[in-house]
Amino acid sequence: MTIHFGTDGWRAVISDSFTFGNLRIVSQAIADAVASDHWDKSPNVDTKKIVVGYDTRFLSDRFAGEVARVLAANGFTVLLAQSDSPTPAISFAVKSNNAIAGVMITASHNAPRYNGVKLKGAFGGSALSEQCRRVEVYITDNEEQARGPNLMDFNKAREAGLIQKFNPLTAYFDHLRKLINTDIIADNPQRFVVDAMYGSGRGVIKSFLQGSGCEIAEIRGEMNPGFGGVHPEPIAKYLGPLSSAVSSGVGNFGVVTDGDADRIGAMDERGNFVDPHKIMALSLKYLVEKRGMSGAVVRTVSTTRMIDRLAKRYGLKLYETPVGFNHIADYMMKEDVLIGGEESGGISFKGHIPEGDGPIMGLLLVEMVAESKKSLNEMVNDLLEDVGPVLYERVDLRLNRPVAKTEMTEFLTKKAPAEIGGQKVEEISQRDGVKYIMADDSWLLIRPSGTEPVLRVYAEGRTQAMVKSLLGYGKTVAESVV
């Protein structure tokens, strides 16, 4: 069976491909890759130390223990999280413990039947694509040479000090206190709801704000490996419980994190979903106007152009990247970046690790609401009046047949329309799929999936009619692919 270890690691269905046997094979390949000369070994890094964490999915704790056994058998000292933890807390633990790598057992926002492995670099973010490719090379090599994984008894590894349990939240919270102004929150304590979506962000925001005077009600915070039967993804259609909690007066607004808490979403007091586009734009405004910070701004190709308008106003350099936080992280490691984010909810800012982080963005949002002395709905309305109006929608359209990304990109570029919805197409970008940018700054992005016959269509318009026209054009493209 082929195990594909890509740039976002490995994900598969539990008990189908995601088995203890296959996980040992992947863990051995990680051990081989990290020990090899190809792995980045900075002078201050402990080359024999690896951090392992896990989320709330079915068997995640057992899977993490199995990874630890393989790594220990390969001579690594493993810092194993003592309970389920957010991915960003594990990533930060890699950096703060000077470990050479990290392994997180999670399938993030995927359906409950999936589990997966995310690989982390010493810098505290997702491993570089070359590092992930190296793991895949070792999986193949080990298979060809019939080399099985090394394995050590868990209790013996504990006794030998090769597996050490630790609490990743202690150092993570110390770090967050440098980036979140708890005095502002304590001066105007908020009453809000946290929706953990049964993920590993449960209890994190509430614990951090203990003693701040805030009244925090957490929902979906108990252990439920089936996530209540929904994808633990912070998008409007999965947030019925949060909407009910806010509209029944449990809190004045809501913040929500995904399955492994590296994504953020929010809800205002009227039950309107506040998407990551608006959260990132509000954060950029706040960091510049209230905190006096500066630096480059990085967003993915599918993220709102409100960010562009704000960056231009503040005289900040703006970078657009393909979809995926790893592309944002590349800039965060080599440049002075103020904020970086993507439409799916992965956002981080200056001073933090190059990793999407749901809890820190939720806390920053609480700080912004406290400082503004306005409701979240008023803050969003002010933002849209300032750099909007914008309306955003995304649809995934099934195709009759799989289409190569290059073929679709060529087709969309050659057959580019002169106008859509009465607006002239002024610019065509091929950074990731094809993006048509209109004269009024509306845009349509069409990206073929690399793994299934699906077209991902993203549209941002100044009016609902424009969004409808843009999505309508995307549908005609999908229908023309036969």
Protein backbone atom coordinates (compact mmCIF):
# COMPACT_ATOMS: atom_id res chain seq x y z
CA MET A 1 0.00 0.00 0.00
CA THR A 2 1.38 3.41 -0.98
CA ILE A 3 1.65 5.95 1.82
CA HIS A 4 1.79 9.45 0.39
CA PHE A 5 3.55 11.83 2.78
CA GLY A 6 2.88 15.28 1.33
CA THR A 7 3.68 18.83 2.44
CA ASP A 8 0.80 18.71 4.94
CA GLY A 9 1.94 15.27 6.17
CA TRP A 10 -0.17 12.13 5.89
CA ARG A 11 -3.91 11.69 6.36
CA ALA A 12 -5.94 8.53 5.91
CA VAL A 13 -9.06 6.74 7.14
CA ILE A 14 -8.67 5.10 10.57
CA SER A 15 -8.40 1.28 10.39
CA ASP A 16 -8.36 1.40 6.58
CA SER A 17 -4.96 2.93 5.75
CA PHE A 18 -4.35 4.73 9.04
CA THR A 19 -3.31 1.68 11.07
CA PHE A 20 -0.73 1.12 13.81
CA GLY A 21 1.36 -0.84 11.30
CA ASN A 22 1.42 1.94 8.70
CA LEU A 23 1.98 4.56 11.39
CA ARG A 24 5.10 2.67 12.55
CA ILE A 25 6.39 2.69 8.94
CA VAL A 26 5.83 6.48 8.73
CA SER A 27 7.41 7.02 12.17
CA GLN A 28 10.51 5.04 11.17
CA ALA A 29 10.82 7.13 7.99
CA ILE A 30 10.55 10.31 10.09
CA ALA A 31 13.29 9.01 12.42
CA ASP A 32 15.50 8.19 9.39
CA ALA A 33 14.86 11.56 7.74
CA VAL A 34 15.56 13.56 10.91
CA ALA A 35 18.77 11.59 11.57
CA SER A 36 19.98 12.03 7.98
CA ASP A 37 22.42 14.64 6.68
CA HIS A 38 19.57 16.13 4.64
CA TRP A 39 17.78 17.46 7.74
CA ASP A 40 18.47 21.04 8.81
CA LYS A 41 20.57 20.90 11.99
CA SER A 42 21.01 24.41 13.37
CA PRO A 43 23.75 24.86 16.03
CA ASN A 44 21.36 25.54 18.95
CA VAL A 45 19.11 22.55 18.20
CA ASP A 46 19.19 19.28 20.15
CA THR A 47 19.43 16.78 17.29
CA LYS A 48 18.22 13.90 19.49
CA LYS A 49 15.03 15.53 20.83
CA ILE A 50 11.57 15.31 19.19
CA VAL A 51 8.21 16.59 20.51
CA VAL A 52 5.06 14.48 19.97
CA GLY A 53 1.49 15.73 20.46
CA TYR A 54 -2.04 14.65 19.56
CA ASP A 55 -5.62 15.87 19.19
CA THR A 56 -8.97 14.45 20.40
CA ARG A 57 -9.62 12.02 17.54
CA PHE A 58 -10.29 8.31 17.99
CA LEU A 59 -7.09 6.60 19.25
CA SER A 60 -4.94 9.75 18.79
CA ASP A 61 -3.35 9.29 22.24
CA ARG A 62 -2.51 5.64 21.45
CA PHE A 63 -1.16 6.57 18.02
CA ALA A 64 1.06 9.25 19.61
CA GLY A 65 2.40 6.68 22.06
CA GLU A 66 3.25 4.39 19.15
CA VAL A 67 5.16 7.18 17.36
CA ALA A 68 7.06 7.80 20.63
CA ARG A 69 8.01 4.08 20.87
CA VAL A 70 9.51 4.09 17.34
CA LEU A 71 11.40 7.35 17.88
CA ALA A 72 12.75 6.15 21.25
CA ALA A 73 13.94 2.91 19.64
CA ASN A 74 15.89 5.08 17.18
CA GLY A 75 17.70 6.83 20.03
CA PHE A 76 15.62 10.01 20.22
CA THR A 77 14.42 11.55 23.48
CA VAL A 78 10.70 12.12 23.03
CA LEU A 79 8.75 14.86 24.82
CA LEU A 80 5.23 13.41 24.70
CA ALA A 81 2.27 15.69 25.50
CA GLN A 82 0.44 14.52 28.62
CA SER A 83 -2.99 15.23 27.08
CA ASP A 84 -4.57 16.38 23.83
CA SER A 85 -3.16 19.77 22.80
CA PRO A 86 -3.52 22.39 20.06
CA THR A 87 -1.18 21.97 17.08
CA PRO A 88 0.27 25.49 17.62
CA ALA A 89 1.12 24.62 21.26
CA ILE A 90 3.04 21.55 20.04
CA SER A 91 4.77 23.61 17.33
CA PHE A 92 5.77 26.19 19.93
CA ALA A 93 7.05 23.39 22.21
CA VAL A 94 9.37 22.22 19.41
CA LYS A 95 10.94 25.67 19.24
CA SER A 96 10.99 26.43 22.98
CA ASN A 97 12.58 23.05 23.79
CA ASN A 98 15.15 23.42 20.99
CA ALA A 99 13.94 20.11 19.56
CA ILE A 100 14.92 19.13 16.04
CA ALA A 101 11.37 18.20 15.00
CA GLY A 102 7.81 17.61 16.12
CA VAL A 103 5.08 15.12 15.25
CA MET A 104 1.40 15.96 15.72
CA ILE A 105 -1.23 13.23 15.45
CA THR A 106 -4.22 14.97 13.89
CA ALA A 107 -6.33 15.14 10.76
CA SER A 108 -7.09 18.79 11.55
CA HIS A 109 -10.57 19.73 10.24
CA ASN A 110 -11.14 16.49 8.26
CA ALA A 111 -14.12 14.18 8.87
CA PRO A 112 -14.06 12.11 12.11
CA ARG A 113 -13.13 8.88 10.30
CA TYR A 114 -9.71 10.33 9.39
CA ASN A 115 -6.53 10.67 11.37
CA GLY A 116 -3.12 11.91 10.31
CA VAL A 117 0.43 13.00 10.98
CA LYS A 118 1.71 16.58 10.78
CA LEU A 119 5.49 17.04 10.80
CA LYS A 120 7.01 20.14 12.42
CA GLY A 121 10.38 21.80 11.88
CA ALA A 122 12.76 23.09 14.58
CA PHE A 123 11.64 26.69 13.84
CA GLY A 124 8.12 26.01 15.21
CA GLY A 125 6.12 25.63 12.02
CA SER A 126 5.19 22.98 9.47
CA ALA A 127 8.20 21.06 8.15
CA LEU A 128 9.57 22.33 4.84
CA SER A 129 8.42 20.58 1.65
CA GLU A 130 11.94 19.17 1.14
CA GLN A 131 11.84 17.66 4.65
CA CYS A 132 8.46 16.04 3.94
CA ARG A 133 9.73 14.73 0.61
CA ARG A 134 12.68 13.17 2.45
CA VAL A 135 10.26 11.26 4.71
CA GLU A 136 8.49 9.86 1.64
CA VAL A 137 11.86 8.80 0.16
CA TYR A 138 12.65 6.82 3.33
CA ILE A 139 9.20 5.19 3.34
CA THR A 140 9.92 3.89 -0.19
CA ASP A 141 13.54 2.91 0.59
CA ASN A 142 12.58 1.00 3.76
CA GLU A 143 9.84 -0.82 1.86
CA GLU A 144 12.21 -1.81 -0.97
CA GLN A 145 14.83 -3.06 1.48
CA ALA A 146 12.18 -4.84 3.59
CA ARG A 147 13.36 -2.83 6.61
CA GLY A 148 10.78 -2.87 9.37
CA PRO A 149 10.45 -0.15 12.01
CA ASN A 150 12.44 -0.21 15.25
CA LEU A 151 10.15 -0.46 18.27
CA MET A 152 10.77 -0.07 22.01
CA ASP A 153 8.56 -1.08 24.92
CA PHE A 154 6.76 2.06 26.15
CA ASN A 155 7.41 1.51 29.87
CA LYS A 156 11.08 0.67 29.31
CA ALA A 157 11.46 3.84 27.22
CA ARG A 158 9.87 5.81 30.10
CA GLU A 159 12.24 4.25 32.64
CA ALA A 160 15.23 5.02 30.40
CA GLY A 161 14.10 8.67 30.10
CA LEU A 162 13.64 8.32 26.33
CA ILE A 163 9.92 9.14 26.61
CA GLN A 164 9.11 12.05 28.93
CA LYS A 165 5.58 13.35 29.40
CA PHE A 166 5.12 17.13 29.61
CA ASN A 167 2.46 19.84 29.57
CA PRO A 168 2.92 21.96 26.40
CA LEU A 169 0.49 24.65 27.60
CA THR A 170 2.75 26.02 30.37
CA ALA A 171 5.42 27.53 28.08
CA TYR A 172 2.82 28.32 25.40
CA PHE A 173 0.80 30.44 27.85
CA ASP A 174 3.96 32.25 29.05
CA HIS A 175 4.65 33.12 25.41
CA LEU A 176 1.06 34.25 24.71
CA ARG A 177 1.22 36.66 27.67
CA LYS A 178 3.89 38.60 25.75
CA LEU A 179 1.61 38.88 22.69
CA ILE A 180 -1.86 39.40 24.20
CA ASN A 181 -2.56 42.47 26.35
CA THR A 182 -4.44 40.91 29.27
CA ASP A 183 -4.61 44.32 31.03
CA ILE A 184 -6.88 45.65 28.25
CA ILE A 185 -9.10 42.58 28.62
CA ALA A 186 -9.16 42.84 32.44
CA ASP A 187 -10.11 46.56 32.20
CA ASN A 188 -13.18 45.65 30.13
CA PRO A 189 -13.95 41.95 30.79
CA GLN A 190 -15.96 40.27 28.08
CA ARG A 191 -18.82 37.80 28.24
CA PHE A 192 -18.49 35.37 25.37
CA VAL A 193 -18.79 31.77 24.17
CA VAL A 194 -15.91 29.52 23.07
CA ASP A 195 -16.83 26.68 20.72
CA ALA A 196 -14.05 24.07 20.79
CA MET A 197 -15.90 21.83 18.26
CA TYR A 198 -14.78 18.89 20.46
CA GLY A 199 -11.21 19.57 19.31
CA SER A 200 -7.91 19.96 21.14
CA GLY A 201 -8.44 23.69 21.64
CA ARG A 202 -10.87 22.78 24.43
CA GLY A 203 -10.26 24.65 27.67
CA VAL A 204 -7.34 26.65 26.25
CA ILE A 205 -8.82 30.15 25.86
CA LYS A 206 -10.84 29.77 29.07
CA SER A 207 -7.76 28.66 31.06
CA PHE A 208 -5.60 31.46 29.67
CA LEU A 209 -8.14 34.13 30.66
CA GLN A 210 -8.71 32.76 34.16
CA GLY A 211 -8.64 35.65 36.61
CA SER A 212 -9.28 38.27 33.89
CA GLY A 213 -12.88 38.82 34.96
CA CYS A 214 -14.27 37.48 31.69
CA GLU A 215 -17.38 35.29 31.77
CA ILE A 216 -16.59 32.46 29.36
CA ALA A 217 -19.02 29.69 28.47
CA GLU A 218 -17.39 26.83 26.56
CA ILE A 219 -19.50 24.57 24.36
CA ARG A 220 -18.50 21.30 22.68
CA GLY A 221 -15.53 21.08 25.03
CA GLU A 222 -15.98 17.51 26.26
CA MET A 223 -14.16 14.53 24.74
CA ASN A 224 -16.08 13.32 21.67
CA PRO A 225 -13.85 11.63 19.05
CA GLY A 226 -16.78 11.61 16.58
CA PHE A 227 -17.07 15.43 16.81
CA GLY A 228 -20.85 15.13 17.10
CA GLY A 229 -20.94 13.76 13.55
CA VAL A 230 -19.68 16.91 11.80
CA HIS A 231 -16.35 18.01 10.37
CA PRO A 232 -14.59 20.03 13.10
CA GLU A 233 -14.16 22.94 10.68
CA PRO A 234 -15.00 26.50 11.83
CA ILE A 235 -17.32 27.44 8.95
CA ALA A 236 -20.91 28.69 9.22
CA LYS A 237 -22.69 25.43 8.33
CA TYR A 238 -21.15 23.55 11.28
CA LEU A 239 -21.77 26.25 13.88
CA GLY A 240 -25.45 25.73 14.76
CA PRO A 241 -24.64 25.09 18.46
CA LEU A 242 -22.58 28.31 18.67
CA SER A 243 -25.33 30.30 16.97
CA SER A 244 -27.87 28.89 19.45
CA ALA A 245 -25.65 29.70 22.44
CA VAL A 246 -25.05 33.30 21.35
CA SER A 247 -28.66 33.99 20.30
CA SER A 248 -29.98 32.61 23.60
CA GLY A 249 -27.79 35.09 25.50
CA VAL A 250 -25.08 32.78 26.83
CA GLY A 251 -22.48 35.28 25.56
CA ASN A 252 -22.22 38.53 23.57
CA PHE A 253 -20.16 36.92 20.80
CA GLY A 254 -18.42 33.64 20.05
CA VAL A 255 -15.00 32.39 18.99
CA VAL A 256 -14.45 28.94 17.49
CA THR A 257 -11.41 26.75 16.84
CA ASP A 258 -11.14 23.66 14.61
CA GLY A 259 -10.20 20.04 15.42
CA ASP A 260 -6.55 20.76 16.22
CA ALA A 261 -7.01 24.49 16.98
CA ASP A 262 -4.83 25.93 14.23
CA ARG A 263 -7.83 27.74 12.67
CA ILE A 264 -10.16 30.47 13.92
CA GLY A 265 -13.70 31.66 13.24
CA ALA A 266 -16.10 33.92 15.17
CA MET A 267 -19.74 34.90 15.55
CA ASP A 268 -21.21 38.28 16.42
CA GLU A 269 -24.04 38.96 18.88
CA ARG A 270 -26.64 38.62 16.11
CA GLY A 271 -25.52 35.14 15.15
CA ASN A 272 -23.68 36.29 12.00
CA PHE A 273 -20.59 34.25 11.18
CA VAL A 274 -17.45 36.44 11.22
CA ASP A 275 -15.15 34.71 8.75
CA PRO A 276 -11.31 34.67 8.79
CA HIS A 277 -11.21 37.38 6.07
CA LYS A 278 -12.83 39.84 8.47
CA ILE A 279 -10.83 38.58 11.48
CA MET A 280 -7.55 39.08 9.61
CA ALA A 281 -8.57 42.55 8.34
CA LEU A 282 -9.70 43.63 11.85
CA SER A 283 -6.43 42.30 13.29
CA LEU A 284 -4.31 44.14 10.73
CA LYS A 285 -6.13 47.41 11.49
CA TYR A 286 -5.72 46.88 15.23
CA LEU A 287 -2.04 45.96 15.14
CA VAL A 288 -1.19 49.04 13.06
CA GLU A 289 -3.60 51.63 14.44
CA LYS A 290 -3.72 50.66 18.13
CA ARG A 291 -0.41 48.91 18.73
CA GLY A 292 1.64 50.99 16.27
CA MET A 293 3.20 47.88 14.70
CA SER A 294 4.49 47.51 11.16
CA GLY A 295 5.89 44.89 8.78
CA ALA A 296 4.94 43.02 5.63
CA VAL A 297 1.48 41.54 5.14
CA VAL A 298 1.08 38.06 3.64
CA ARG A 299 -2.16 36.50 2.44
CA THR A 300 -3.06 33.54 0.25
CA VAL A 301 -4.55 33.95 -3.22
CA SER A 302 -8.01 33.04 -1.85
CA THR A 303 -8.04 35.70 0.90
CA THR A 304 -9.91 39.02 0.84
CA ARG A 305 -8.52 42.08 -0.93
CA MET A 306 -9.61 44.20 2.04
CA ILE A 307 -6.12 43.24 3.24
CA ASP A 308 -4.59 44.82 0.10
CA ARG A 309 -6.48 48.05 0.61
CA LEU A 310 -5.38 48.30 4.25
CA ALA A 311 -1.75 47.44 3.43
CA LYS A 312 -1.72 50.15 0.75
CA ARG A 313 -3.14 52.70 3.20
CA TYR A 314 -0.48 51.89 5.80
CA GLY A 315 2.35 51.74 3.25
CA LEU A 316 3.07 48.09 4.04
CA LYS A 317 4.51 45.57 1.62
CA LEU A 318 1.97 42.93 0.58
CA TYR A 319 2.69 39.39 -0.61
CA GLU A 320 0.21 36.98 -2.18
CA THR A 321 0.95 33.25 -1.92
CA PRO A 322 -0.59 29.98 -3.15
CA VAL A 323 -3.11 28.33 -0.79
CA GLY A 324 -1.51 26.70 2.28
CA PHE A 325 -0.03 28.21 5.44
CA ASN A 326 3.41 26.76 4.61
CA HIS A 327 3.74 29.46 1.90
CA ILE A 328 2.96 32.17 4.48
CA ALA A 329 5.44 30.60 6.90
CA ASP A 330 8.20 30.90 4.28
CA TYR A 331 7.81 34.70 4.39
CA MET A 332 7.49 34.78 8.18
CA MET A 333 10.87 33.08 8.50
CA LYS A 334 12.79 35.27 6.07
CA GLU A 335 11.13 38.70 6.41
CA ASP A 336 9.74 41.06 9.00
CA VAL A 337 6.07 40.03 8.69
CA LEU A 338 3.35 41.80 10.67
CA ILE A 339 0.53 39.36 9.91
CA GLY A 340 -0.06 36.40 7.63
CA GLY A 341 -3.24 34.46 7.02
CA GLU A 342 -5.51 32.44 4.78
CA GLU A 343 -9.25 32.21 4.13
CA SER A 344 -9.57 28.86 5.91
CA GLY A 345 -8.69 30.48 9.28
CA GLY A 346 -4.97 29.90 9.73
CA ILE A 347 -3.58 33.27 10.92
CA SER A 348 -0.48 34.33 12.88
CA PHE A 349 1.22 37.63 13.64
CA LYS A 350 4.55 39.23 14.54
CA GLY A 351 6.42 37.75 17.49
CA HIS A 352 4.67 34.39 17.19
CA ILE A 353 5.66 31.13 15.48
CA PRO A 354 5.11 30.73 11.70
CA GLU A 355 1.99 28.63 12.26
CA GLY A 356 -1.76 29.22 12.06
CA ASP A 357 -3.01 29.56 15.65
CA GLY A 358 -6.68 29.53 16.66
CA PRO A 359 -6.32 30.32 20.38
CA ILE A 360 -4.01 33.33 19.92
CA MET A 361 -6.27 34.83 17.23
CA GLY A 362 -9.33 34.20 19.41
CA LEU A 363 -7.59 35.99 22.29
CA LEU A 364 -6.54 38.87 20.04
CA LEU A 365 -10.17 39.22 18.96
CA VAL A 366 -11.28 39.37 22.62
CA GLU A 367 -8.61 42.06 23.21
CA MET A 368 -9.86 44.04 20.17
CA VAL A 369 -13.49 43.93 21.35
CA ALA A 370 -12.44 44.96 24.87
CA GLU A 371 -10.33 47.87 23.59
CA SER A 372 -12.96 49.15 21.12
CA LYS A 373 -15.79 49.18 23.69
CA LYS A 374 -18.04 48.25 20.74
CA SER A 375 -19.87 45.07 19.85
CA LEU A 376 -18.29 42.68 17.34
CA ASN A 377 -21.13 43.44 14.92
CA GLU A 378 -20.36 47.18 15.11
CA MET A 379 -16.64 46.50 14.58
CA VAL A 380 -17.34 44.44 11.45
CA ASN A 381 -19.76 47.07 10.11
CA ASP A 382 -17.14 49.80 10.67
CA LEU A 383 -14.57 47.67 8.82
CA LEU A 384 -16.87 47.10 5.83
CA GLU A 385 -17.75 50.79 5.70
CA ASP A 386 -14.04 51.60 5.73
CA VAL A 387 -12.57 49.09 3.24
CA GLY A 388 -15.64 47.26 1.91
CA PRO A 389 -18.24 46.46 1.05
CA VAL A 390 -17.25 42.85 0.40
CA LEU A 391 -19.23 39.63 0.17
CA TYR A 392 -17.50 36.28 -0.10
CA GLU A 393 -18.55 32.79 -1.09
CA ARG A 394 -16.84 29.53 -1.96
CA VAL A 395 -18.25 26.45 -3.70
CA ASP A 396 -16.72 23.11 -4.68
CA LEU A 397 -18.01 21.89 -8.04
CA ARG A 398 -17.81 18.25 -9.18
CA LEU A 399 -16.37 17.60 -12.62
CA ASN A 400 -17.24 14.73 -14.97
CA ARG A 401 -13.57 13.75 -15.13
CA PRO A 402 -10.29 14.51 -13.34
CA VAL A 403 -8.49 17.50 -14.88
CA ALA A 404 -4.77 18.24 -14.61
CA LYS A 405 -4.06 21.58 -12.91
CA THR A 406 -1.84 22.71 -15.83
CA GLU A 407 -4.54 21.83 -18.38
CA MET A 408 -7.21 23.75 -16.46
CA THR A 409 -4.92 26.74 -15.86
CA GLU A 410 -4.13 26.93 -19.58
CA PHE A 411 -7.82 26.60 -20.50
CA LEU A 412 -8.93 29.32 -18.03
CA THR A 413 -6.20 31.71 -19.17
CA LYS A 414 -6.84 31.24 -22.91
CA LYS A 415 -10.63 31.45 -22.51
CA ALA A 416 -10.57 34.36 -20.05
CA PRO A 417 -13.73 36.49 -20.31
CA ALA A 418 -13.52 40.20 -21.10
CA GLU A 419 -15.98 40.92 -18.30
CA ILE A 420 -18.11 39.27 -15.62
CA GLY A 421 -21.21 40.82 -14.06
CA GLY A 422 -20.67 44.05 -15.95
CA GLN A 423 -17.15 44.53 -14.60
CA LYS A 424 -14.08 44.36 -16.84
CA VAL A 425 -11.49 41.66 -16.10
CA GLU A 426 -8.41 43.80 -15.48
CA GLU A 427 -5.88 41.25 -14.29
CA ILE A 428 -5.34 37.49 -14.54
CA SER A 429 -3.16 35.73 -11.96
CA GLN A 430 -1.86 32.16 -12.22
CA ARG A 431 -0.31 31.94 -8.74
CA ASP A 432 -2.51 29.01 -7.73
CA GLY A 433 -5.20 28.13 -10.24
CA VAL A 434 -6.50 31.13 -12.18
CA LYS A 435 -7.76 34.34 -10.59
CA TYR A 436 -9.71 36.99 -12.51
CA ILE A 437 -9.51 40.42 -10.83
CA MET A 438 -12.19 42.92 -11.86
CA ALA A 439 -12.08 46.68 -12.28
CA ASP A 440 -13.97 47.19 -8.98
CA ASP A 441 -11.57 44.86 -7.06
CA SER A 442 -14.04 41.97 -7.11
CA TRP A 443 -12.39 38.66 -8.00
CA LEU A 444 -13.01 35.07 -8.98
CA LEU A 445 -10.53 32.27 -8.23
CA ILE A 446 -10.85 28.85 -9.87
CA ARG A 447 -8.56 26.10 -8.52
CA PRO A 448 -8.71 22.49 -9.65
CA SER A 449 -8.19 20.01 -6.82
CA GLY A 450 -4.97 18.05 -7.12
CA THR A 451 -6.55 14.89 -5.69
CA GLU A 452 -10.14 14.64 -6.97
CA PRO A 453 -12.32 15.79 -9.92
CA VAL A 454 -13.38 19.00 -8.20
CA LEU A 455 -13.13 22.69 -9.05
CA ARG A 456 -12.78 24.97 -6.04
CA VAL A 457 -14.43 28.29 -6.88
CA TYR A 458 -13.91 31.37 -4.66
CA ALA A 459 -15.62 34.72 -5.26
CA GLU A 460 -15.45 38.11 -3.57
CA GLY A 461 -17.75 40.86 -4.83
CA ARG A 462 -18.90 44.32 -3.84
CA THR A 463 -22.56 43.23 -4.08
CA GLN A 464 -24.49 39.98 -3.74
CA ALA A 465 -25.38 40.25 -7.43
CA MET A 466 -21.69 40.38 -8.32
CA VAL A 467 -20.89 37.32 -6.18
CA LYS A 468 -23.74 35.48 -7.91
CA SER A 469 -22.36 36.43 -11.35
CA LEU A 470 -18.83 35.33 -10.41
CA LEU A 471 -19.99 31.96 -9.03
CA GLY A 472 -22.28 31.55 -12.04
CA TYR A 473 -19.29 31.95 -14.35
CA GLY A 474 -17.41 29.33 -12.31
CA LYS A 475 -20.33 26.90 -12.77
CA THR A 476 -20.33 27.38 -16.55
CA VAL A 477 -16.60 26.54 -16.55
CA ALA A 478 -17.27 23.33 -14.60
CA GLU A 479 -20.06 22.37 -17.03
CA SER A 480 -17.80 22.95 -20.04
CA VAL A 481 -15.25 20.39 -18.79
CA VAL A 482 -16.45 17.12 -20.32
